[in-house]
PDB file of N, CA and C in Angstrom:
ATOM      1  N   MET A   1       9.999  -3.413   8.347  1.00  0.00           N
ATOM      2  CA  MET A   1       9.750  -2.001   8.551  1.00  0.00           C
ATOM      3  C   MET A   1       8.571  -1.626   7.546  1.00  0.00           C
ATOM      4  N   PHE A   2       7.643  -0.851   8.118  1.00  0.00           N
ATOM      5  CA  PHE A   2       6.549  -0.319   7.343  1.00  0.00           C
ATOM      6  C   PHE A   2       6.960   0.830   6.448  1.00  0.00           C
ATOM      7  N   ARG A   3       6.660   0.748   5.193  1.00  0.00           N
ATOM      8  CA  ARG A   3       6.929   1.802   4.240  1.00  0.00           C
ATOM      9  C   ARG A   3       5.771   2.247   3.418  1.00  0.00           C
ATOM     10  N   LEU A   4       5.546   3.554   3.245  1.00  0.00           N
ATOM     11  CA  LEU A   4       4.415   4.063   2.455  1.00  0.00           C
ATOM     12  C   LEU A   4       5.092   5.053   1.475  1.00  0.00           C
ATOM     13  N   TRP A   5       4.845   4.849   0.173  1.00  0.00           N
ATOM     14  CA  TRP A   5       5.417   5.666  -0.799  1.00  0.00           C
ATOM     15  C   TRP A   5       4.378   6.670  -1.376  1.00  0.00           C
ATOM     16  N   GLY A   6       4.626   7.888  -1.295  1.00  0.00           N
ATOM     17  CA  GLY A   6       3.742   8.918  -1.815  1.00  0.00           C
ATOM     18  C   GLY A   6       4.378   9.558  -3.013  1.00  0.00           C
ATOM     19  N   LYS A   7       3.512   9.726  -4.053  1.00  0.00           N
ATOM     20  CA  LYS A   7       4.025  10.363  -5.345  1.00  0.00           C
ATOM     21  C   LYS A   7       2.950  11.397  -5.810  1.00  0.00           C
ATOM     22  N   ILE A   8       3.423  12.499  -6.220  1.00  0.00           N
ATOM     23  CA  ILE A   8       2.603  13.581  -6.878  1.00  0.00           C
ATOM     24  C   ILE A   8       2.793  13.537  -8.398  1.00  0.00           C
ATOM     25  N   PHE A   9       1.692  13.448  -9.148  1.00  0.00           N
ATOM     26  CA  PHE A   9       1.752  13.484 -10.583  1.00  0.00           C
ATOM     27  C   PHE A   9       1.068  14.738 -11.191  1.00  0.00           C
ATOM     28  N   LYS A  10       1.559  15.164 -12.271  1.00  0.00           N
ATOM     29  CA  LYS A  10       0.873  16.167 -13.088  1.00  0.00           C
ATOM     30  C   LYS A  10       1.224  15.858 -14.501  1.00  0.00           C
ATOM     31  N   ASP A  11       0.129  15.826 -15.375  1.00  0.00           N
ATOM     32  CA  ASP A  11       0.253  15.452 -16.832  1.00  0.00           C
ATOM     33  C   ASP A  11       0.990  14.121 -17.013  1.00  0.00           C
ATOM     34  N   ASN A  12       0.687  13.091 -16.222  1.00  0.00           N
ATOM     35  CA  ASN A  12       1.235  11.867 -16.187  1.00  0.00           C
ATOM     36  C   ASN A  12       2.848  11.789 -16.027  1.00  0.00           C
ATOM     37  N   ARG A  13       3.268  12.778 -15.296  1.00  0.00           N
ATOM     38  CA  ARG A  13       4.696  12.839 -14.935  1.00  0.00           C
ATOM     39  C   ARG A  13       4.872  12.898 -13.467  1.00  0.00           C
ATOM     40  N   LEU A  14       5.836  12.185 -12.999  1.00  0.00           N
ATOM     41  CA  LEU A  14       6.134  12.195 -11.533  1.00  0.00           C
ATOM     42  C   LEU A  14       6.787  13.530 -11.166  1.00  0.00           C
ATOM     43  N   LEU A  15       6.206  14.302 -10.321  1.00  0.00           N
ATOM     44  CA  LEU A  15       6.797  15.579  -9.863  1.00  0.00           C
ATOM     45  C   LEU A  15       7.755  15.426  -8.636  1.00  0.00           C
ATOM     46  N   LYS A  16       7.042  14.661  -7.618  1.00  0.00           N
ATOM     47  CA  LYS A  16       7.745  14.446  -6.390  1.00  0.00           C
ATOM     48  C   LYS A  16       7.494  13.107  -5.841  1.00  0.00           C
ATOM     49  N   ASP A  17       8.318  12.641  -5.032  1.00  0.00           N
ATOM     50  CA  ASP A  17       7.979  11.290  -4.267  1.00  0.00           C
ATOM     51  C   ASP A  17       8.787  11.337  -3.012  1.00  0.00           C
ATOM     52  N   HIS A  18       8.129  10.553  -2.048  1.00  0.00           N
ATOM     53  CA  HIS A  18       8.789  10.491  -0.685  1.00  0.00           C
ATOM     54  C   HIS A  18       8.273   9.159  -0.117  1.00  0.00           C
ATOM     55  N   VAL A  19       9.169   8.452   0.513  1.00  0.00           N
ATOM     56  CA  VAL A  19       8.902   7.220   1.166  1.00  0.00           C
ATOM     57  C   VAL A  19       8.932   7.495   2.690  1.00  0.00           C
ATOM     58  N   ALA A  20       7.833   7.267   3.353  1.00  0.00           N
ATOM     59  CA  ALA A  20       7.693   7.393   4.752  1.00  0.00           C
ATOM     60  C   ALA A  20       7.931   6.020   5.415  1.00  0.00           C
ATOM     61  N   THR A  21       8.674   5.933   6.478  1.00  0.00           N
ATOM     62  CA  THR A  21       9.025   4.642   7.080  1.00  0.00           C
ATOM     63  C   THR A  21       8.603   4.692   8.558  1.00  0.00           C
ATOM     64  N   ASP A  22       8.275   3.557   9.097  1.00  0.00           N
ATOM     65  CA  ASP A  22       7.886   3.518  10.542  1.00  0.00           C
ATOM     66  C   ASP A  22       8.247   2.046  10.990  1.00  0.00           C
ATOM     67  N   GLY A  23       9.057   2.028  11.948  1.00  0.00           N
ATOM     68  CA  GLY A  23       9.474   0.667  12.541  1.00  0.00           C
ATOM     69  C   GLY A  23       8.863   0.440  13.879  1.00  0.00           C
ATOM     70  N   ASP A  24       7.956   1.328  14.332  1.00  0.00           N
ATOM     71  CA  ASP A  24       7.286   1.154  15.695  1.00  0.00           C
ATOM     72  C   ASP A  24       6.101   0.223  15.480  1.00  0.00           C
ATOM     73  N   TYR A  25       6.325  -1.039  15.759  1.00  0.00           N
ATOM     74  CA  TYR A  25       5.282  -2.020  15.586  1.00  0.00           C
ATOM     75  C   TYR A  25       4.268  -2.074  16.788  1.00  0.00           C
ATOM     76  N   SER A  26       4.526  -1.238  17.768  1.00  0.00           N
ATOM     77  CA  SER A  26       3.520  -1.163  18.949  1.00  0.00           C
ATOM     78  C   SER A  26       2.333  -0.417  18.442  1.00  0.00           C
ATOM     79  N   LYS A  27       2.407   0.301  17.323  1.00  0.00           N
ATOM     80  CA  LYS A  27       1.150   0.968  16.804  1.00  0.00           C
ATOM     81  C   LYS A  27       0.451  -0.061  15.907  1.00  0.00           C
ATOM     82  N   ASP A  28      -0.858   0.172  15.770  1.00  0.00           N
ATOM     83  CA  ASP A  28      -1.611  -0.699  14.770  1.00  0.00           C
ATOM     84  C   ASP A  28      -1.360  -0.079  13.327  1.00  0.00           C
ATOM     85  N   ARG A  29      -1.739  -0.978  12.500  1.00  0.00           N
ATOM     86  CA  ARG A  29      -1.484  -0.632  11.015  1.00  0.00           C
ATOM     87  C   ARG A  29      -2.138   0.589  10.511  1.00  0.00           C
ATOM     88  N   LYS A  30      -3.440   0.878  11.013  1.00  0.00           N
ATOM     89  CA  LYS A  30      -4.097   2.037  10.680  1.00  0.00           C
ATOM     90  C   LYS A  30      -3.358   3.305  11.092  1.00  0.00           C
ATOM     91  N   THR A  31      -2.919   3.361  12.326  1.00  0.00           N
ATOM     92  CA  THR A  31      -2.127   4.448  12.887  1.00  0.00           C
ATOM     93  C   THR A  31      -0.856   4.637  12.031  1.00  0.00           C
ATOM     94  N   MET A  32      -0.155   3.600  11.708  1.00  0.00           N
ATOM     95  CA  MET A  32       0.996   3.744  10.877  1.00  0.00           C
ATOM     96  C   MET A  32       0.790   4.383   9.595  1.00  0.00           C
ATOM     97  N   ILE A  33      -0.333   3.930   8.913  1.00  0.00           N
ATOM     98  CA  ILE A  33      -0.772   4.560   7.643  1.00  0.00           C
ATOM     99  C   ILE A  33      -1.020   6.002   7.744  1.00  0.00           C
ATOM    100  N   PHE A  34      -1.829   6.401   8.673  1.00  0.00           N
ATOM    101  CA  PHE A  34      -2.174   7.781   8.812  1.00  0.00           C
ATOM    102  C   PHE A  34      -1.028   8.673   9.230  1.00  0.00           C
ATOM    103  N   ASP A  35      -0.018   8.138  10.056  1.00  0.00           N
ATOM    104  CA  ASP A  35       1.144   8.882  10.382  1.00  0.00           C
ATOM    105  C   ASP A  35       2.004   9.025   9.159  1.00  0.00           C
ATOM    106  N   ALA A  36       2.133   8.045   8.345  1.00  0.00           N
ATOM    107  CA  ALA A  36       2.865   8.069   7.117  1.00  0.00           C
ATOM    108  C   ALA A  36       2.336   9.136   6.165  1.00  0.00           C
ATOM    109  N   ILE A  37       1.042   9.186   6.042  1.00  0.00           N
ATOM    110  CA  ILE A  37       0.332  10.029   5.134  1.00  0.00           C
ATOM    111  C   ILE A  37       0.610  11.490   5.633  1.00  0.00           C
ATOM    112  N   ARG A  38       0.460  11.629   6.976  1.00  0.00           N
ATOM    113  CA  ARG A  38       0.766  13.002   7.536  1.00  0.00           C
ATOM    114  C   ARG A  38       2.214  13.463   7.209  1.00  0.00           C
ATOM    115  N   GLU A  39       3.147  12.506   7.271  1.00  0.00           N
ATOM    116  CA  GLU A  39       4.567  12.817   7.034  1.00  0.00           C
ATOM    117  C   GLU A  39       4.726  13.190   5.507  1.00  0.00           C
ATOM    118  N   ILE A  40       4.047  12.421   4.631  1.00  0.00           N
ATOM    119  CA  ILE A  40       4.193  12.620   3.144  1.00  0.00           C
ATOM    120  C   ILE A  40       3.574  14.028   2.801  1.00  0.00           C
ATOM    121  N   CYS A  41       2.419  14.294   3.324  1.00  0.00           N
ATOM    122  CA  CYS A  41       1.761  15.620   3.109  1.00  0.00           C
ATOM    123  C   CYS A  41       2.618  16.802   3.579  1.00  0.00           C
ATOM    124  N   HIS A  42       3.223  16.607   4.795  1.00  0.00           N
ATOM    125  CA  HIS A  42       4.081  17.670   5.322  1.00  0.00           C
ATOM    126  C   HIS A  42       5.328  17.791   4.328  1.00  0.00           C
ATOM    127  N   GLU A  43       5.883  16.768   3.924  1.00  0.00           N
ATOM    128  CA  GLU A  43       7.014  16.774   3.031  1.00  0.00           C
ATOM    129  C   GLU A  43       6.687  17.522   1.749  1.00  0.00           C
ATOM    130  N   PHE A  44       5.479  17.345   1.229  1.00  0.00           N
ATOM    131  CA  PHE A  44       5.053  17.861  -0.086  1.00  0.00           C
ATOM    132  C   PHE A  44       4.365  19.278   0.162  1.00  0.00           C
ATOM    133  N   ASP A  45       4.198  19.668   1.414  1.00  0.00           N
ATOM    134  CA  ASP A  45       3.529  20.950   1.827  1.00  0.00           C
ATOM    135  C   ASP A  45       2.136  20.995   1.204  1.00  0.00           C
ATOM    136  N   ILE A  46       1.336  19.996   1.455  1.00  0.00           N
ATOM    137  CA  ILE A  46      -0.007  19.958   0.975  1.00  0.00           C
ATOM    138  C   ILE A  46      -0.923  19.537   2.121  1.00  0.00           C
ATOM    139  N   ALA A  47      -2.146  19.796   1.968  1.00  0.00           N
ATOM    140  CA  ALA A  47      -3.190  19.428   3.029  1.00  0.00           C
ATOM    141  C   ALA A  47      -3.324  17.875   2.850  1.00  0.00           C
ATOM    142  N   GLU A  48      -3.813  17.319   4.042  1.00  0.00           N
ATOM    143  CA  GLU A  48      -4.045  15.850   3.938  1.00  0.00           C
ATOM    144  C   GLU A  48      -5.356  15.587   3.277  1.00  0.00           C
ATOM    145  N   PRO A  49      -5.353  14.611   2.429  1.00  0.00           N
ATOM    146  CA  PRO A  49      -6.600  14.287   1.596  1.00  0.00           C
ATOM    147  C   PRO A  49      -7.722  13.672   2.478  1.00  0.00           C
ATOM    148  N   ILE A  50      -8.896  13.821   1.935  1.00  0.00           N
ATOM    149  CA  ILE A  50     -10.128  13.364   2.606  1.00  0.00           C
ATOM    150  C   ILE A  50     -10.395  11.927   1.951  1.00  0.00           C
ATOM    151  N   TRP A  51     -10.581  11.006   2.847  1.00  0.00           N
ATOM    152  CA  TRP A  51     -10.840   9.580   2.378  1.00  0.00           C
ATOM    153  C   TRP A  51     -12.247   9.470   2.050  1.00  0.00           C
ATOM    154  N   LEU A  52     -12.550   9.151   0.840  1.00  0.00           N
ATOM    155  CA  LEU A  52     -13.878   8.823   0.325  1.00  0.00           C
ATOM    156  C   LEU A  52     -14.102   7.347   0.258  1.00  0.00           C
ATOM    157  N   LEU A  53     -15.240   6.840   0.162  1.00  0.00           N
ATOM    158  CA  LEU A  53     -15.538   5.374   0.090  1.00  0.00           C
ATOM    159  C   LEU A  53     -14.734   4.694  -0.917  1.00  0.00           C
ATOM    160  N   PRO A  54     -14.780   5.249  -2.209  1.00  0.00           N
ATOM    161  CA  PRO A  54     -13.918   4.532  -3.262  1.00  0.00           C
ATOM    162  C   PRO A  54     -12.426   4.475  -2.935  1.00  0.00           C
ATOM    163  N   ASN A  55     -11.914   5.522  -2.194  1.00  0.00           N
ATOM    164  CA  ASN A  55     -10.550   5.480  -1.843  1.00  0.00           C
ATOM    165  C   ASN A  55     -10.203   4.403  -0.833  1.00  0.00           C
ATOM    166  N   ILE A  56     -11.178   4.229   0.134  1.00  0.00           N
ATOM    167  CA  ILE A  56     -10.951   3.175   1.112  1.00  0.00           C
ATOM    168  C   ILE A  56     -11.005   1.814   0.464  1.00  0.00           C
ATOM    169  N   ASP A  57     -11.965   1.500  -0.440  1.00  0.00           N
ATOM    170  CA  ASP A  57     -12.070   0.271  -1.172  1.00  0.00           C
ATOM    171  C   ASP A  57     -10.847  -0.020  -1.978  1.00  0.00           C
ATOM    172  N   ASP A  58     -10.329   0.999  -2.733  1.00  0.00           N
ATOM    173  CA  ASP A  58      -9.098   0.719  -3.528  1.00  0.00           C
ATOM    174  C   ASP A  58      -7.924   0.411  -2.619  1.00  0.00           C
ATOM    175  N   PHE A  59      -7.739   1.141  -1.549  1.00  0.00           N
ATOM    176  CA  PHE A  59      -6.584   0.929  -0.691  1.00  0.00           C
ATOM    177  C   PHE A  59      -6.626  -0.431  -0.050  1.00  0.00           C
ATOM    178  N   ALA A  60      -7.846  -0.875   0.393  1.00  0.00           N
ATOM    179  CA  ALA A  60      -7.966  -2.125   1.026  1.00  0.00           C
ATOM    180  C   ALA A  60      -7.743  -3.287   0.034  1.00  0.00           C
ATOM    181  N   TYR A  61      -8.193  -3.138  -1.128  1.00  0.00           N
ATOM    182  CA  TYR A  61      -8.002  -4.114  -2.176  1.00  0.00           C
ATOM    183  C   TYR A  61      -6.632  -4.183  -2.746  1.00  0.00           C
ATOM    184  N   ARG A  62      -6.009  -3.026  -3.131  1.00  0.00           N
ATOM    185  CA  ARG A  62      -4.776  -3.051  -3.795  1.00  0.00           C
ATOM    186  C   ARG A  62      -3.555  -2.548  -3.052  1.00  0.00           C
ATOM    187  N   GLY A  63      -3.844  -1.899  -1.921  1.00  0.00           N
ATOM    188  CA  GLY A  63      -2.701  -1.310  -1.136  1.00  0.00           C
ATOM    189  C   GLY A  63      -2.159  -0.099  -1.837  1.00  0.00           C
ATOM    190  N   LYS A  64      -3.001   0.501  -2.692  1.00  0.00           N
ATOM    191  CA  LYS A  64      -2.643   1.735  -3.416  1.00  0.00           C
ATOM    192  C   LYS A  64      -3.875   2.554  -3.670  1.00  0.00           C
ATOM    193  N   VAL A  65      -3.646   3.912  -3.626  1.00  0.00           N
ATOM    194  CA  VAL A  65      -4.822   4.727  -3.842  1.00  0.00           C
ATOM    195  C   VAL A  65      -4.416   6.051  -4.513  1.00  0.00           C
ATOM    196  N   ARG A  66      -5.270   6.661  -5.250  1.00  0.00           N
ATOM    197  CA  ARG A  66      -5.012   8.005  -5.804  1.00  0.00           C
ATOM    198  C   ARG A  66      -6.022   8.997  -5.253  1.00  0.00           C
ATOM    199  N   PHE A  67      -5.479  10.121  -4.855  1.00  0.00           N
ATOM    200  CA  PHE A  67      -6.324  11.237  -4.444  1.00  0.00           C
ATOM    201  C   PHE A  67      -6.325  12.320  -5.369  1.00  0.00           C
ATOM    202  N   ASN A  68      -7.402  12.678  -5.942  1.00  0.00           N
ATOM    203  CA  ASN A  68      -7.469  13.849  -6.904  1.00  0.00           C
ATOM    204  C   ASN A  68      -8.055  15.026  -6.250  1.00  0.00           C
ATOM    205  N   ALA A  69      -8.353  16.059  -7.058  1.00  0.00           N
ATOM    206  CA  ALA A  69      -8.881  17.327  -6.504  1.00  0.00           C
ATOM    207  C   ALA A  69     -10.169  17.169  -5.621  1.00  0.00           C
ATOM    208  N   ASP A  70     -10.964  16.169  -5.909  1.00  0.00           N
ATOM    209  CA  ASP A  70     -12.097  15.925  -5.036  1.00  0.00           C
ATOM    210  C   ASP A  70     -11.836  15.547  -3.622  1.00  0.00           C
ATOM    211  N   ASN A  71     -10.626  15.180  -3.338  1.00  0.00           N
ATOM    212  CA  ASN A  71     -10.228  14.637  -2.039  1.00  0.00           C
ATOM    213  C   ASN A  71      -9.540  15.697  -1.199  1.00  0.00           C
ATOM    214  N   PHE A  72      -9.295  16.976  -1.728  1.00  0.00           N
ATOM    215  CA  PHE A  72      -8.732  18.035  -1.124  1.00  0.00           C
ATOM    216  C   PHE A  72      -9.618  19.185  -0.934  1.00  0.00           C
ATOM    217  N   ILE A  73      -9.523  19.854   0.225  1.00  0.00           N
ATOM    218  CA  ILE A  73     -10.488  21.013   0.385  1.00  0.00           C
ATOM    219  C   ILE A  73      -9.826  22.226  -0.343  1.00  0.00           C
ATOM    220  N   GLU A  74      -8.496  22.300  -0.257  1.00  0.00           N
ATOM    221  CA  GLU A  74      -7.726  23.397  -0.956  1.00  0.00           C
ATOM    222  C   GLU A  74      -7.586  23.133  -2.402  1.00  0.00           C
ATOM    223  N   GLN A  75      -7.228  24.151  -3.152  1.00  0.00           N
ATOM    224  CA  GLN A  75      -6.950  24.013  -4.599  1.00  0.00           C
ATOM    225  C   GLN A  75      -5.547  23.335  -4.729  1.00  0.00           C
ATOM    226  N   ILE A  76      -5.521  22.393  -5.645  1.00  0.00           N
ATOM    227  CA  ILE A  76      -4.218  21.705  -5.776  1.00  0.00           C
ATOM    228  C   ILE A  76      -3.582  22.075  -7.163  1.00  0.00           C
ATOM    229  N   ASP A  77      -2.301  22.007  -7.277  1.00  0.00           N
ATOM    230  CA  ASP A  77      -1.604  22.316  -8.516  1.00  0.00           C
ATOM    231  C   ASP A  77      -1.032  21.144  -9.122  1.00  0.00           C
ATOM    232  N   PHE A  78      -1.520  19.967  -8.900  1.00  0.00           N
ATOM    233  CA  PHE A  78      -1.171  18.642  -9.505  1.00  0.00           C
ATOM    234  C   PHE A  78      -2.360  17.901  -9.839  1.00  0.00           C
ATOM    235  N   ASP A  79      -2.260  16.806 -10.583  1.00  0.00           N
ATOM    236  CA  ASP A  79      -3.389  15.985 -10.982  1.00  0.00           C
ATOM    237  C   ASP A  79      -3.862  15.053  -9.862  1.00  0.00           C
ATOM    238  N   TYR A  80      -2.880  14.297  -9.213  1.00  0.00           N
ATOM    239  CA  TYR A  80      -3.249  13.430  -8.114  1.00  0.00           C
ATOM    240  C   TYR A  80      -2.044  13.101  -7.278  1.00  0.00           C
ATOM    241  N   LEU A  81      -2.404  12.715  -6.085  1.00  0.00           N
ATOM    242  CA  LEU A  81      -1.388  12.163  -5.165  1.00  0.00           C
ATOM    243  C   LEU A  81      -1.711  10.666  -5.032  1.00  0.00           C
ATOM    244  N   GLU A  82      -0.629   9.852  -5.203  1.00  0.00           N
ATOM    245  CA  GLU A  82      -0.871   8.411  -5.109  1.00  0.00           C
ATOM    246  C   GLU A  82      -0.024   7.953  -4.004  1.00  0.00           C
ATOM    247  N   ILE A  83      -0.653   7.105  -3.148  1.00  0.00           N
ATOM    248  CA  ILE A  83       0.138   6.415  -2.119  1.00  0.00           C
ATOM    249  C   ILE A  83       0.003   4.924  -2.223  1.00  0.00           C
ATOM    250  N   GLN A  84       1.120   4.287  -1.885  1.00  0.00           N
ATOM    251  CA  GLN A  84       1.285   2.792  -2.116  1.00  0.00           C
ATOM    252  C   GLN A  84       2.088   2.255  -1.009  1.00  0.00           C
ATOM    253  N   ILE A  85       1.521   1.144  -0.413  1.00  0.00           N
ATOM    254  CA  ILE A  85       2.356   0.431   0.593  1.00  0.00           C
ATOM    255  C   ILE A  85       3.487  -0.335  -0.118  1.00  0.00           C
ATOM    256  N   ILE A  86       4.731  -0.265   0.410  1.00  0.00           N
ATOM    257  CA  ILE A  86       5.805  -1.014  -0.098  1.00  0.00           C
ATOM    258  C   ILE A  86       6.001  -2.192   0.731  1.00  0.00           C
ATOM    259  N   GLU A  87       5.694  -3.369   0.255  1.00  0.00           N
ATOM    260  CA  GLU A  87       5.754  -4.565   1.098  1.00  0.00           C
ATOM    261  C   GLU A  87       7.279  -4.907   1.420  1.00  0.00           C
ATOM    262  N   GLU A  88       7.481  -5.509   2.577  1.00  0.00           N
ATOM    263  CA  GLU A  88       8.723  -5.883   3.076  1.00  0.00           C
ATOM    264  C   GLU A  88       9.294  -7.087   2.289  1.00  0.00           C
TER     265      GLU A  88
END
């Protein structure tokens, strides 16, 4: 089962976390990732982040990425959103 862990941090403290799961392997991996991010953002009641080139590189290399205020159109009341793939 595909799992993506989303966490919101402020002042180096974990405020919220949520694990989005998807067992529908008829979808490609990219679709599963974006569906999970959509679920996490809905759970946290925040806008979806904008992917910048450094974010794409980090996620491809480490399976983990942080989105800070530069990645959001709206004002955020936290330091960053971190997403990480949880391997099976």
